[in-house]
Amino acid sequence: MANSEQSSFTDLRYLSEVIARKNFERFALYVMPSLELSPFHRAYYQALELFTRGAIKKLIVTVPPQHGKSLGSSQLLPAYLLGLNPELKIALASYAFTLATKFNKRVQRVISDAAYQNLFPDTCLKSGSRQVAAGSYLQTSEEFEIVGYGGSFQSVGRGGGLTGNKVDIAILDDLYKDAAEGNSPTVRESVWEWYTSAVKTRLHNGSQELIVFTRWHEEDLIGILEDKEGVRVLGSFSEINPDYTGWYKLNFEAIKESEPTEIDPRRYGAPLWPERHSLESLEQRRALDPFRFDCMYQGHPSSKEGLLYGDNFKTYDTPTGSDEIIRKANYTDTADTGTDYLCSICYDVLKGGQINITDVLYTQAPMEETEPATAQMLLRNGTRAALIESNNGGRGFARNVQRKATAVHVEWFHQSGNKESRILTNSATVLQNIRFPEGWRLRWPELYAHLTTYKRLFKANKNDDAPDALTGIVEKEIINKNNRILYMG
């Protein structure tokens, strides 16, 4: 190579390094040349760049699953921040300790890479080339310190303790593992308690917070912060006020349905990352569970109607042939209090896995009436096995039903799962697998009304006995079909 060409190459390399030190997106491409960034990623990285510069103090970003949010927020960003300022103390938390430590190891790999060291030679780990007093510095899968400086990076699982005197930057990446956790009020409450008692107490006046989530529920951490503190939804980066200390929020919908903005100018119906998730594949996922899709992929935890099932139950119009029936069974949820309903449902399990509802007893009548009525219904429908929740007197109810319907195998069990989480998490399975007879609206009008008007916001419902019983059926017949308590043989 001629001297002039060598000089030009050196100048270009120097220029690219200078730019990579000053811009987060260019840094990401420099240390990870194979990285492919769509227009959405560039907007996301621009928001993270403004966060690194302190123009945004507190940032919430909601992104659909498998769209690369954690690569930016939890792998590249901590390394970049420590390159800019090796004195920073950064803490990252996720729903599980193992996931948090995985992020920690990936950040360490970025910092140890030669490309990173070209940009930020002062930011070095104990295992790196710098040997000055390196032996006194930490470097584990949970925490590492920057040799020669006061900076560190600590990762914890949700509920874990944050050691040290302060946290300059807190990154919270997916504090809920799945729908069951997101729908559990116990888990949601524990997340809020941990956030206020463990995370907030480590922050100071100059601290920054970054929350990157896939949404699971309207009352998750983001929902509570929106309610208690309020957020400003960003449509343009020019709207940012560096003196504003509250929350800014960006929501990237998998399928564009909100108004176009400067940050997300897609036309209506355009996919977020078509090279990886086409519109066709996204629509297929939406069809399987529109409510969960609105939450996870669109960042809108409440469905447009606010209803869990709506009028979306499947029906059948003719009795099922006996050769198609695998099992004739019953599930009964006894009334817990005087205002609750006994919900006893007889159903046929078909060869294809569908569940046809054949008869229902849904009433607030006392047990001296519902026990014989349930027994008569079991015998009338040719039920072979009945499963009765034993909570709150259910065991005595089951024994009395067994005495009156000796031809039916009756078993009882204690339901220990959280009701809200079970109902919300299994709602799509209920709609996909359970069918009611044509005209069930007229046959069981109260049941129909309670199911079709049942709201996704759990506390807004007066009773949950019918959804609980349908959930119990799919749990036993679909979800846990290989671990049934009864119906064997």
Protein backbone atom coordinates (compact mmCIF):
# COMPACT_ATOMS: atom_id res chain seq x y z
CA MET A 1 0.00 0.00 0.00
CA ALA A 2 1.37 3.43 -0.98
CA ASN A 3 2.12 5.97 1.71
CA SER A 4 -0.78 8.21 0.61
CA GLU A 5 -3.21 5.28 0.67
CA GLN A 6 -1.92 4.22 4.07
CA SER A 7 -2.35 7.77 5.31
CA SER A 8 -5.94 7.94 3.99
CA PHE A 9 -6.77 4.60 5.58
CA THR A 10 -5.34 5.77 8.90
CA ASP A 11 -7.29 9.02 8.68
CA LEU A 12 -10.56 7.17 7.96
CA ARG A 13 -9.98 4.77 10.82
CA TYR A 14 -9.21 7.62 13.16
CA LEU A 15 -12.35 9.47 12.03
CA SER A 16 -14.55 6.37 12.54
CA GLU A 17 -13.14 5.94 16.05
CA VAL A 18 -13.80 9.58 16.88
CA ILE A 19 -17.41 9.28 15.71
CA ALA A 20 -17.89 5.96 17.53
CA ARG A 21 -16.83 7.59 20.79
CA LYS A 22 -19.42 10.33 20.34
CA ASN A 23 -22.45 8.46 19.04
CA PHE A 24 -24.05 5.33 20.47
CA GLU A 25 -25.29 3.95 17.15
CA ARG A 26 -21.86 4.31 15.55
CA PHE A 27 -20.29 2.77 18.64
CA ALA A 28 -22.60 -0.25 18.30
CA LEU A 29 -21.67 -0.73 14.64
CA TYR A 30 -17.97 -0.28 15.41
CA VAL A 31 -17.76 -2.93 18.12
CA MET A 32 -20.30 -5.20 16.37
CA PRO A 33 -19.78 -4.76 12.60
CA SER A 34 -22.29 -7.50 11.73
CA LEU A 35 -25.10 -5.64 13.49
CA GLU A 36 -28.09 -4.91 11.25
CA LEU A 37 -30.08 -1.86 12.23
CA SER A 38 -33.56 -1.15 10.88
CA PRO A 39 -35.08 2.35 11.01
CA PHE A 40 -36.74 1.35 14.30
CA HIS A 41 -33.37 0.37 15.82
CA ARG A 42 -31.82 3.64 14.74
CA ALA A 43 -34.61 5.58 16.48
CA TYR A 44 -34.26 3.37 19.56
CA TYR A 45 -30.49 3.86 19.62
CA GLN A 46 -30.93 7.61 19.19
CA ALA A 47 -33.10 7.64 22.32
CA LEU A 48 -30.42 5.67 24.15
CA GLU A 49 -27.81 8.16 22.90
CA LEU A 50 -29.79 11.02 24.43
CA PHE A 51 -30.01 9.02 27.62
CA THR A 52 -26.21 8.61 27.72
CA ARG A 53 -25.79 12.37 27.32
CA GLY A 54 -28.17 13.07 30.20
CA ALA A 55 -30.71 14.85 28.01
CA ILE A 56 -33.21 12.19 29.19
CA LYS A 57 -33.05 11.40 32.89
CA LYS A 58 -35.70 8.68 33.05
CA LEU A 59 -36.68 6.66 29.99
CA ILE A 60 -39.27 3.93 29.40
CA VAL A 61 -39.10 1.97 26.15
CA THR A 62 -41.64 -0.75 25.34
CA VAL A 63 -40.67 -3.11 22.54
CA PRO A 64 -42.20 -6.36 21.21
CA PRO A 65 -40.48 -9.69 21.93
CA GLN A 66 -37.51 -10.70 19.76
CA HIS A 67 -36.89 -7.21 18.39
CA GLY A 68 -33.40 -6.66 19.82
CA LYS A 69 -34.26 -4.40 22.74
CA SER A 70 -31.87 -6.07 25.22
CA LEU A 71 -28.92 -6.01 22.85
CA GLY A 72 -29.11 -2.23 22.88
CA SER A 73 -30.12 -1.55 26.47
CA SER A 74 -28.42 -4.31 28.45
CA GLN A 75 -25.33 -5.29 26.49
CA LEU A 76 -24.06 -2.41 24.38
CA LEU A 77 -25.31 0.53 26.44
CA PRO A 78 -23.56 -0.33 29.75
CA ALA A 79 -20.27 -0.84 27.91
CA TYR A 80 -20.66 2.49 26.10
CA LEU A 81 -21.54 4.35 29.30
CA LEU A 82 -18.48 2.97 31.09
CA GLY A 83 -16.34 3.95 28.12
CA LEU A 84 -17.60 7.52 28.32
CA ASN A 85 -17.24 7.63 32.09
CA PRO A 86 -15.37 4.80 33.85
CA GLU A 87 -16.42 6.25 37.21
CA LEU A 88 -20.10 5.34 36.72
CA LYS A 89 -21.79 2.80 38.96
CA ILE A 90 -24.37 0.93 36.89
CA ALA A 91 -26.89 -1.64 38.09
CA LEU A 92 -28.96 -3.90 35.84
CA ALA A 93 -31.87 -6.06 36.95
CA SER A 94 -33.98 -8.66 35.18
CA TYR A 95 -36.61 -11.19 36.26
CA ALA A 96 -34.03 -13.92 36.92
CA PHE A 97 -30.53 -13.85 38.35
CA THR A 98 -29.30 -16.19 35.58
CA LEU A 99 -30.50 -13.80 32.87
CA ALA A 100 -28.97 -10.81 34.64
CA THR A 101 -25.59 -12.53 34.90
CA LYS A 102 -25.80 -13.46 31.22
CA PHE A 103 -26.07 -9.76 30.40
CA ASN A 104 -23.10 -9.09 32.69
CA LYS A 105 -20.92 -11.60 30.86
CA ARG A 106 -21.88 -10.10 27.50
CA VAL A 107 -20.97 -6.60 28.67
CA GLN A 108 -17.60 -7.94 29.81
CA ARG A 109 -17.01 -9.50 26.38
CA VAL A 110 -17.70 -6.18 24.69
CA ILE A 111 -15.30 -4.30 26.97
CA SER A 112 -12.58 -6.94 26.57
CA ASP A 113 -12.77 -6.89 22.77
CA ALA A 114 -9.93 -5.22 20.87
CA ALA A 115 -12.31 -2.92 18.97
CA TYR A 116 -13.67 -1.53 22.23
CA GLN A 117 -10.17 -1.05 23.62
CA ASN A 118 -9.29 0.98 20.53
CA LEU A 119 -12.07 3.38 21.48
CA PHE A 120 -11.82 3.38 25.27
CA PRO A 121 -8.40 2.12 26.39
CA ASP A 122 -8.89 3.55 29.89
CA THR A 123 -11.89 1.30 30.55
CA CYS A 124 -10.34 -2.04 31.38
CA LEU A 125 -11.29 -5.14 33.36
CA LYS A 126 -9.18 -7.11 35.79
CA SER A 127 -8.64 -9.78 33.14
CA GLY A 128 -7.53 -7.19 30.60
CA SER A 129 -4.09 -5.94 29.71
CA ARG A 130 -3.83 -3.28 32.41
CA GLN A 131 -1.96 -4.63 35.39
CA VAL A 132 -1.86 -1.63 37.72
CA ALA A 133 -3.35 -2.84 41.02
CA ALA A 134 -5.67 -5.13 39.03
CA GLY A 135 -5.62 -7.76 41.73
CA SER A 136 -7.74 -5.60 44.04
CA TYR A 137 -10.59 -5.22 41.55
CA LEU A 138 -13.70 -7.39 41.23
CA GLN A 139 -14.61 -9.37 38.13
CA THR A 140 -17.30 -12.02 38.51
CA SER A 141 -20.41 -12.97 36.56
CA GLU A 142 -22.40 -10.76 38.96
CA GLU A 143 -20.21 -7.69 39.20
CA PHE A 144 -17.08 -6.14 37.78
CA GLU A 145 -15.11 -3.00 38.49
CA ILE A 146 -13.12 -0.78 36.14
CA VAL A 147 -9.42 -1.01 36.88
CA GLY A 148 -7.99 2.30 38.06
CA TYR A 149 -11.41 3.96 38.41
CA GLY A 150 -14.43 3.87 40.67
CA GLY A 151 -16.87 2.57 38.07
CA SER A 152 -18.62 -0.78 38.27
CA PHE A 153 -21.40 -2.86 36.73
CA GLN A 154 -23.62 -5.01 38.93
CA SER A 155 -26.38 -7.37 37.77
CA VAL A 156 -29.12 -8.82 39.96
CA GLY A 157 -32.28 -10.83 39.60
CA ARG A 158 -35.60 -9.32 40.55
CA GLY A 159 -35.80 -9.14 44.32
CA GLY A 160 -32.03 -9.23 44.75
CA GLY A 161 -30.08 -6.72 46.79
CA LEU A 162 -28.01 -3.91 45.29
CA THR A 163 -24.75 -3.58 47.16
CA GLY A 164 -22.62 -0.45 47.38
CA ASN A 165 -23.35 3.11 48.37
CA LYS A 166 -25.06 4.41 45.27
CA VAL A 167 -26.31 3.64 41.77
CA ASP A 168 -25.73 6.25 39.09
CA ILE A 169 -27.67 4.41 36.38
CA ALA A 170 -30.33 1.74 36.91
CA ILE A 171 -31.38 -0.43 33.97
CA LEU A 172 -34.47 -2.63 34.42
CA ASP A 173 -34.89 -5.12 31.59
CA ASP A 174 -37.98 -7.38 31.68
CA LEU A 175 -38.86 -7.80 35.35
CA TYR A 176 -41.63 -10.29 34.50
CA LYS A 177 -40.73 -13.67 33.05
CA ASP A 178 -44.00 -14.50 31.31
CA ALA A 179 -47.76 -13.99 31.27
CA ALA A 180 -48.27 -16.00 34.46
CA GLU A 181 -45.95 -13.64 36.36
CA GLY A 182 -47.26 -10.50 34.69
CA ASN A 183 -50.84 -11.50 35.48
CA SER A 184 -50.10 -12.41 39.08
CA PRO A 185 -51.03 -9.61 41.52
CA THR A 186 -48.62 -11.13 44.04
CA VAL A 187 -45.69 -10.87 41.63
CA ARG A 188 -46.69 -7.39 40.50
CA GLU A 189 -46.89 -6.21 44.10
CA SER A 190 -43.51 -7.76 44.91
CA VAL A 191 -41.94 -6.01 41.89
CA TRP A 192 -43.27 -2.65 43.04
CA GLU A 193 -42.10 -3.28 46.61
CA TRP A 194 -38.64 -4.28 45.41
CA TYR A 195 -38.42 -1.28 43.07
CA THR A 196 -39.31 1.21 45.81
CA SER A 197 -37.29 -0.41 48.61
CA ALA A 198 -34.21 -1.75 46.80
CA VAL A 199 -33.77 0.25 43.58
CA LYS A 200 -35.03 3.73 44.46
CA THR A 201 -33.15 3.80 47.76
CA ARG A 202 -29.83 3.45 45.89
CA LEU A 203 -30.47 6.41 43.58
CA HIS A 204 -29.38 10.00 44.14
CA ASN A 205 -30.23 13.39 42.61
CA GLY A 206 -28.07 12.79 39.56
CA SER A 207 -29.11 9.19 38.93
CA GLN A 208 -30.79 8.01 35.74
CA GLU A 209 -33.28 5.18 35.15
CA LEU A 210 -33.94 3.12 32.04
CA ILE A 211 -36.84 0.66 31.86
CA VAL A 212 -37.15 -1.59 28.81
CA PHE A 213 -40.09 -3.98 28.84
CA THR A 214 -42.35 -6.20 26.90
CA ARG A 215 -45.70 -5.41 28.52
CA TRP A 216 -47.73 -8.13 30.24
CA HIS A 217 -50.36 -6.29 32.25
CA GLU A 218 -51.80 -2.80 32.60
CA GLU A 219 -50.80 -2.70 36.28
CA ASP A 220 -47.18 -3.77 35.82
CA LEU A 221 -44.35 -1.48 36.94
CA ILE A 222 -44.76 0.79 33.92
CA GLY A 223 -48.50 1.03 34.47
CA ILE A 224 -48.02 1.97 38.12
CA LEU A 225 -45.41 4.61 37.24
CA GLU A 226 -47.74 6.05 34.61
CA ASP A 227 -50.49 6.27 37.20
CA LYS A 228 -48.42 7.61 40.10
CA GLU A 229 -45.82 9.79 38.38
CA GLY A 230 -47.07 10.33 34.85
CA VAL A 231 -45.03 10.09 31.66
CA ARG A 232 -44.48 12.18 28.56
CA VAL A 233 -44.89 10.16 25.37
CA LEU A 234 -42.22 11.14 22.85
CA GLY A 235 -43.21 11.82 19.27
CA SER A 236 -40.15 13.87 18.37
CA PHE A 237 -36.69 14.16 19.88
CA SER A 238 -37.00 17.94 19.58
CA GLU A 239 -39.63 17.76 22.37
CA ILE A 240 -37.02 16.73 24.92
CA ASN A 241 -36.34 19.23 27.68
CA PRO A 242 -33.00 18.52 29.41
CA ASP A 243 -34.34 20.18 32.58
CA TYR A 244 -37.30 17.79 32.79
CA THR A 245 -36.64 15.16 35.48
CA GLY A 246 -39.74 13.04 34.89
CA TRP A 247 -40.31 10.02 32.67
CA TYR A 248 -40.21 10.01 28.88
CA LYS A 249 -41.75 7.04 27.11
CA LEU A 250 -41.38 5.41 23.71
CA ASN A 251 -43.70 2.60 22.60
CA PHE A 252 -42.78 0.75 19.41
CA GLU A 253 -45.81 -1.18 18.14
CA ALA A 254 -45.13 -4.39 16.21
CA ILE A 255 -47.85 -3.30 13.77
CA LYS A 256 -48.24 0.46 13.43
CA GLU A 257 -51.68 1.55 14.60
CA SER A 258 -51.02 4.90 16.23
CA GLU A 259 -50.50 8.19 14.42
CA PRO A 260 -47.16 8.54 12.57
CA THR A 261 -44.53 10.59 14.41
CA GLU A 262 -41.06 11.87 13.67
CA ILE A 263 -39.60 9.05 15.76
CA ASP A 264 -41.86 6.36 14.28
CA PRO A 265 -43.07 7.60 10.87
CA ARG A 266 -44.41 4.25 9.64
CA ARG A 267 -47.71 4.18 7.79
CA TYR A 268 -50.70 2.49 9.39
CA GLY A 269 -50.37 -1.31 9.36
CA ALA A 270 -46.61 -1.40 8.68
CA PRO A 271 -44.54 -3.94 10.68
CA LEU A 272 -41.79 -2.71 12.99
CA TRP A 273 -38.98 -4.99 11.75
CA PRO A 274 -40.23 -6.63 8.53
CA GLU A 275 -36.87 -8.25 7.78
CA ARG A 276 -37.26 -10.38 10.90
CA HIS A 277 -41.00 -10.32 11.64
CA SER A 278 -43.22 -9.98 8.59
CA LEU A 279 -46.72 -8.54 8.71
CA GLU A 280 -48.11 -11.97 7.82
CA SER A 281 -46.38 -13.68 10.75
CA LEU A 282 -47.46 -10.93 13.14
CA GLU A 283 -51.08 -11.17 12.01
CA GLN A 284 -50.96 -14.92 12.56
CA ARG A 285 -49.82 -14.35 16.14
CA ARG A 286 -52.54 -11.76 16.64
CA ALA A 287 -55.18 -14.22 15.44
CA LEU A 288 -54.09 -16.79 18.03
CA ASP A 289 -54.54 -14.40 20.94
CA PRO A 290 -55.58 -10.81 20.10
CA PHE A 291 -55.64 -9.69 23.72
CA ARG A 292 -52.13 -10.84 24.52
CA PHE A 293 -50.89 -9.53 21.18
CA ASP A 294 -52.20 -6.06 22.06
CA CYS A 295 -50.29 -6.27 25.32
CA MET A 296 -46.98 -7.86 24.31
CA TYR A 297 -46.59 -6.73 20.71
CA GLN A 298 -48.47 -3.44 20.67
CA GLY A 299 -47.63 -2.20 24.15
CA HIS A 300 -51.32 -1.71 24.98
CA PRO A 301 -52.08 -3.96 27.98
CA SER A 302 -55.82 -3.21 27.92
CA SER A 303 -57.66 -4.56 24.90
CA LYS A 304 -59.63 -2.06 22.86
CA GLU A 305 -62.91 -3.30 24.33
CA GLY A 306 -61.54 -3.93 27.82
CA LEU A 307 -63.11 -7.39 27.78
CA LEU A 308 -61.33 -10.68 28.36
CA TYR A 309 -63.51 -12.94 26.21
CA GLY A 310 -66.18 -10.73 24.72
CA ASP A 311 -68.61 -12.51 22.43
CA ASN A 312 -65.88 -14.66 20.92
CA PHE A 313 -66.76 -18.12 22.23
CA LYS A 314 -67.02 -20.91 19.68
CA THR A 315 -70.26 -22.86 19.31
CA TYR A 316 -71.45 -26.18 17.89
CA ASP A 317 -74.91 -26.85 16.45
CA THR A 318 -75.33 -30.65 16.53
CA PRO A 319 -74.69 -33.23 19.24
CA THR A 320 -71.32 -34.93 18.99
CA GLY A 321 -71.27 -38.52 17.80
CA SER A 322 -70.42 -41.02 20.54
CA ASP A 323 -67.48 -42.37 18.53
CA GLU A 324 -65.77 -38.96 18.72
CA ILE A 325 -66.03 -38.57 22.49
CA ILE A 326 -62.98 -39.52 24.55
CA ARG A 327 -64.35 -38.48 27.94
CA LYS A 328 -67.58 -37.24 29.49
CA ALA A 329 -66.50 -35.16 32.45
CA ASN A 330 -67.42 -32.36 34.83
CA TYR A 331 -65.65 -29.51 36.58
CA THR A 332 -67.26 -27.78 39.56
CA ASP A 333 -66.25 -24.57 41.30
CA THR A 334 -68.24 -24.34 44.52
CA ALA A 335 -69.40 -20.99 45.90
CA ASP A 336 -66.92 -19.40 48.31
CA THR A 337 -69.27 -16.82 49.83
CA GLY A 338 -72.96 -16.00 49.83
CA THR A 339 -72.55 -13.72 46.81
CA ASP A 340 -70.57 -16.24 44.74
CA TYR A 341 -72.01 -18.65 42.21
CA LEU A 342 -71.70 -22.38 42.10
CA CYS A 343 -70.48 -23.13 38.58
CA SER A 344 -70.72 -26.81 37.62
CA ILE A 345 -70.01 -27.61 33.97
CA CYS A 346 -70.48 -30.92 32.17
CA TYR A 347 -68.52 -31.36 28.97
CA ASP A 348 -67.33 -33.82 26.33
CA VAL A 349 -63.67 -34.08 25.39
CA LEU A 350 -63.36 -34.91 21.69
CA LYS A 351 -60.66 -36.77 19.80
CA GLY A 352 -59.40 -33.57 18.20
CA GLY A 353 -58.89 -31.94 21.59
CA GLN A 354 -61.96 -29.68 21.46
CA ILE A 355 -64.16 -29.46 24.54
CA ASN A 356 -67.94 -29.27 24.04
CA ILE A 357 -69.97 -27.89 26.92
CA THR A 358 -73.12 -30.02 27.34
CA ASP A 359 -74.76 -28.78 30.54
CA VAL A 360 -74.28 -26.09 33.19
CA LEU A 361 -75.50 -25.38 36.69
CA TYR A 362 -74.82 -21.74 37.51
CA THR A 363 -76.59 -20.52 40.59
CA GLN A 364 -76.37 -18.76 43.95
CA ALA A 365 -78.73 -21.28 45.57
CA PRO A 366 -77.61 -22.85 48.89
CA MET A 367 -75.76 -26.18 49.02
CA GLU A 368 -78.85 -28.13 50.14
CA GLU A 369 -80.28 -27.32 46.70
CA THR A 370 -77.11 -27.40 44.58
CA GLU A 371 -75.82 -30.77 45.85
CA PRO A 372 -78.81 -32.81 44.54
CA ALA A 373 -79.07 -30.62 41.44
CA THR A 374 -75.40 -31.23 40.60
CA ALA A 375 -75.78 -35.00 41.13
CA GLN A 376 -78.85 -35.08 38.87
CA MET A 377 -77.00 -33.16 36.15
CA LEU A 378 -74.03 -35.55 36.28
CA LEU A 379 -76.31 -38.57 35.89
CA ARG A 380 -78.41 -36.89 33.21
CA ASN A 381 -75.33 -36.22 31.08
CA GLY A 382 -73.74 -39.63 31.51
CA THR A 383 -70.72 -38.08 33.25
CA ARG A 384 -68.01 -40.57 34.14
CA ALA A 385 -65.79 -38.38 36.29
CA ALA A 386 -66.25 -35.09 38.14
CA LEU A 387 -63.56 -32.87 39.60
CA ILE A 388 -64.67 -30.51 42.38
CA GLU A 389 -62.61 -27.74 43.96
CA SER A 390 -62.35 -28.48 47.68
CA ASN A 391 -61.76 -24.88 48.75
CA ASN A 392 -64.26 -23.47 51.25
CA GLY A 393 -66.45 -26.48 51.88
CA GLY A 394 -65.95 -28.11 48.51
CA ARG A 395 -64.84 -31.41 50.04
CA GLY A 396 -68.12 -31.88 51.91
CA PHE A 397 -70.01 -30.85 48.77
CA ALA A 398 -68.11 -33.46 46.74
CA ARG A 399 -68.83 -36.23 49.25
CA ASN A 400 -72.53 -35.47 49.25
CA VAL A 401 -72.65 -35.39 45.45
CA GLN A 402 -70.84 -38.75 45.36
CA ARG A 403 -73.49 -40.29 47.66
CA LYS A 404 -76.26 -39.10 45.36
CA ALA A 405 -74.48 -40.04 42.09
CA THR A 406 -72.74 -43.33 42.85
CA ALA A 407 -72.19 -44.11 39.16
CA VAL A 408 -69.90 -41.08 38.82
CA HIS A 409 -66.29 -41.04 39.98
CA VAL A 410 -66.03 -37.85 42.07
CA GLU A 411 -62.73 -36.38 43.21
CA TRP A 412 -61.89 -33.14 44.95
CA PHE A 413 -58.72 -31.05 44.97
CA HIS A 414 -57.43 -27.84 46.51
CA GLN A 415 -56.88 -25.01 44.03
CA SER A 416 -53.73 -23.20 45.17
CA GLY A 417 -52.96 -21.20 42.02
CA ASN A 418 -53.62 -17.48 41.93
CA LYS A 419 -57.05 -16.98 40.39
CA GLU A 420 -56.32 -13.73 38.55
CA SER A 421 -53.14 -15.05 37.00
CA ARG A 422 -54.77 -18.35 35.98
CA ILE A 423 -57.79 -16.71 34.34
CA LEU A 424 -55.85 -14.06 32.43
CA THR A 425 -53.04 -16.34 31.33
CA ASN A 426 -55.33 -19.09 29.99
CA SER A 427 -57.98 -16.88 28.36
CA ALA A 428 -56.79 -17.58 24.82
CA THR A 429 -56.76 -21.35 25.45
CA VAL A 430 -60.33 -21.12 26.70
CA LEU A 431 -61.48 -19.33 23.54
CA GLN A 432 -59.57 -21.70 21.26
CA ASN A 433 -60.64 -25.01 22.78
CA ILE A 434 -64.03 -24.63 24.48
CA ARG A 435 -67.29 -24.66 22.51
CA PHE A 436 -70.80 -23.95 23.74
CA PRO A 437 -74.00 -25.31 22.15
CA GLU A 438 -75.86 -23.02 19.74
CA GLY A 439 -78.38 -20.94 21.66
CA TRP A 440 -76.45 -21.06 24.93
CA ARG A 441 -77.22 -17.38 25.39
CA LEU A 442 -80.90 -18.27 25.89
CA ARG A 443 -80.24 -21.52 27.72
CA TRP A 444 -77.90 -20.03 30.36
CA PRO A 445 -78.44 -16.25 30.14
CA GLU A 446 -76.73 -15.35 33.43
CA LEU A 447 -73.67 -17.44 32.60
CA TYR A 448 -73.54 -15.87 29.12
CA ALA A 449 -73.80 -12.35 30.51
CA HIS A 450 -71.08 -12.87 33.11
CA LEU A 451 -68.64 -14.45 30.65
CA THR A 452 -69.09 -12.07 27.73
CA THR A 453 -68.86 -8.95 29.91
CA TYR A 454 -65.95 -10.15 32.03
CA LYS A 455 -63.25 -7.45 32.05
CA ARG A 456 -59.51 -7.89 31.71
CA LEU A 457 -59.02 -5.51 34.66
CA PHE A 458 -59.58 -8.14 37.32
CA LYS A 459 -60.72 -5.88 40.14
CA ALA A 460 -63.45 -4.38 37.93
CA ASN A 461 -65.44 -7.66 37.98
CA LYS A 462 -68.10 -8.48 40.57
CA ASN A 463 -67.57 -12.24 40.30
CA ASP A 464 -65.20 -14.64 38.57
CA ASP A 465 -66.78 -18.05 39.15
CA ALA A 466 -67.58 -18.83 35.50
CA PRO A 467 -64.14 -17.79 34.13
CA ASP A 468 -62.52 -19.73 36.97
CA ALA A 469 -64.40 -22.91 36.05
CA LEU A 470 -63.58 -22.62 32.32
CA THR A 471 -59.96 -22.00 33.23
CA GLY A 472 -59.97 -25.11 35.43
CA ILE A 473 -61.28 -27.20 32.55
CA VAL A 474 -58.55 -26.18 30.10
CA GLU A 475 -55.89 -26.53 32.79
CA LYS A 476 -56.90 -30.16 33.41
CA GLU A 477 -57.71 -31.13 29.83
CA ILE A 478 -55.28 -29.04 27.75
CA ILE A 479 -52.49 -27.47 29.79
CA ASN A 480 -51.81 -30.38 32.17
CA LYS A 481 -53.30 -33.22 30.18
CA ASN A 482 -50.33 -35.47 30.94
CA ASN A 483 -50.67 -34.91 34.68
CA ARG A 484 -54.39 -35.27 35.29
CA ILE A 485 -55.63 -36.07 38.75
CA LEU A 486 -58.40 -38.19 37.31
CA TYR A 487 -59.95 -39.34 34.03
CA MET A 488 -57.26 -41.99 33.65
CA GLY A 489 -58.23 -45.04 31.65
